[in-house]
Protein backbone atom coordinates (compact mmCIF):
# COMPACT_ATOMS: atom_id res chain seq x y z
CA MET A 1 0.00 0.00 0.00
CA SER A 2 1.26 3.44 -0.83
CA ALA A 3 -1.44 5.36 1.10
CA ALA A 4 -4.06 4.92 3.84
CA ARG A 5 -7.14 3.06 2.67
CA LEU A 6 -10.64 2.76 4.10
CA VAL A 7 -12.09 -0.75 3.98
CA THR A 8 -15.68 -1.63 4.84
CA ALA A 9 -16.94 -5.18 5.42
CA THR A 10 -20.66 -5.87 5.30
CA PHE A 11 -22.07 -9.00 6.93
CA THR A 12 -25.53 -10.47 6.58
CA LEU A 13 -26.82 -12.47 9.53
CA GLN A 14 -27.86 -15.94 8.44
CA ARG A 15 -31.42 -16.96 9.30
CA PHE A 16 -32.85 -20.47 9.10
CA THR A 17 -36.29 -22.03 9.48
CA LEU A 18 -37.15 -24.53 12.20
CA THR A 19 -40.21 -26.64 11.39
CA ALA A 20 -42.11 -28.51 14.11
CA ASN A 21 -44.35 -31.45 13.18
CA LYS A 22 -46.52 -33.96 15.01
CA ALA A 23 -46.91 -37.60 13.98
CA GLY A 24 -49.32 -40.23 15.25
CA THR A 25 -50.47 -43.50 13.76
CA LEU A 26 -53.99 -42.12 13.30
CA GLY A 27 -52.90 -38.62 12.25
CA LEU A 28 -54.73 -37.00 15.16
CA ASN A 29 -53.93 -33.51 16.42
CA ASN A 30 -52.43 -34.63 19.74
CA GLY A 31 -51.42 -31.40 21.42
CA THR A 32 -49.67 -28.06 21.09
CA ILE A 33 -46.00 -27.28 20.47
CA THR A 34 -44.68 -23.95 21.79
CA SER A 35 -41.18 -22.48 21.77
CA THR A 36 -38.88 -20.03 23.49
CA SER A 37 -35.45 -19.00 22.25
CA ASN A 38 -32.14 -17.60 23.45
CA PRO A 39 -31.64 -14.92 22.34
CA ALA A 40 -35.35 -14.13 22.36
CA SER A 41 -36.93 -13.53 18.97
CA SER A 42 -40.35 -13.08 17.49
CA PRO A 43 -42.44 -14.80 16.29
CA GLN A 44 -42.14 -18.03 18.26
CA ILE A 45 -43.68 -21.42 17.48
CA ASN A 46 -47.18 -21.96 18.89
CA CYS A 47 -49.01 -24.51 16.82
CA GLY A 48 -51.21 -27.49 16.31
CA SER A 49 -50.28 -29.97 13.56
CA ALA A 50 -47.26 -28.35 11.85
CA CYS A 51 -45.60 -24.96 11.98
CA SER A 52 -42.36 -23.10 11.61
CA ALA A 53 -40.45 -19.99 12.62
CA THR A 54 -37.23 -18.40 11.40
CA TYR A 55 -34.31 -17.81 13.77
CA ASN A 56 -30.86 -16.25 13.58
CA TYR A 57 -27.86 -18.56 13.25
CA GLY A 58 -26.72 -19.79 16.67
CA THR A 59 -30.07 -19.28 18.40
CA VAL A 60 -30.99 -22.03 20.87
CA VAL A 61 -34.67 -22.93 20.58
CA THR A 62 -36.52 -24.87 23.27
CA LEU A 63 -39.72 -26.58 22.16
CA VAL A 64 -42.28 -27.93 24.61
CA MET A 65 -45.05 -30.39 23.70
CA LYS A 66 -48.25 -30.14 25.72
CA PRO A 67 -50.20 -33.31 24.87
CA ASP A 68 -53.99 -33.24 24.64
CA LEU A 69 -55.98 -35.13 27.24
CA LEU A 70 -55.62 -38.91 26.70
CA SER A 71 -52.77 -38.47 24.17
CA VAL A 72 -49.71 -40.67 24.63
CA PHE A 73 -46.56 -38.71 23.73
CA THR A 74 -43.68 -41.10 22.88
CA GLY A 75 -40.78 -38.76 22.12
CA TRP A 76 -39.02 -36.42 19.72
CA THR A 77 -36.86 -36.85 16.62
CA GLY A 78 -34.60 -34.19 15.09
CA CYS A 79 -33.61 -32.53 18.38
CA ASP A 80 -30.06 -31.83 19.50
CA THR A 81 -31.19 -32.91 22.97
CA ALA A 82 -34.55 -34.14 24.24
CA SER A 83 -35.91 -34.81 27.71
CA GLY A 84 -39.53 -35.76 28.25
CA THR A 85 -41.76 -33.26 26.46
CA THR A 86 -38.87 -30.79 25.90
CA CYS A 87 -36.72 -30.59 22.76
CA THR A 88 -33.72 -28.28 22.30
CA VAL A 89 -32.27 -27.27 18.92
CA ARG A 90 -29.33 -24.98 18.11
CA ILE A 91 -29.99 -23.27 14.79
CA THR A 92 -27.08 -23.84 12.38
CA ALA A 93 -29.14 -24.70 9.28
CA ALA A 94 -32.79 -25.28 8.35
CA LYS A 95 -34.07 -28.02 10.67
CA SER A 96 -37.16 -30.08 11.27
CA VAL A 97 -38.26 -31.79 14.49
CA THR A 98 -41.17 -34.16 15.06
CA ALA A 99 -43.18 -34.95 18.18
CA HIS A 100 -44.40 -38.56 18.07
CA PHE A 101 -47.56 -40.04 19.56
CA LEU A 102 -48.82 -43.57 20.09
CA LEU A 103 -52.08 -42.70 18.32
């Protein structure tokens, strides 16, 4: 370089969609899935059969399944970690999780 230069870098925050689904052998609507995230963002997931929300890269999303009366919740697939009715996902790409039911 022969003189001072001004350089500007522009970054675009990556955003990805998390889709939440429910699956039962009879295809019944077996409860409600809601979410919270860290850092907090809006909108959050609050749905019946299938839904989605878009989050910034690196966001940790916690999904909670509240089964309907007499529904038998059997677990999650697609989560980074799962415990009981809670599923946690760190957003690094578009992802899909499914809550499974006996019926």
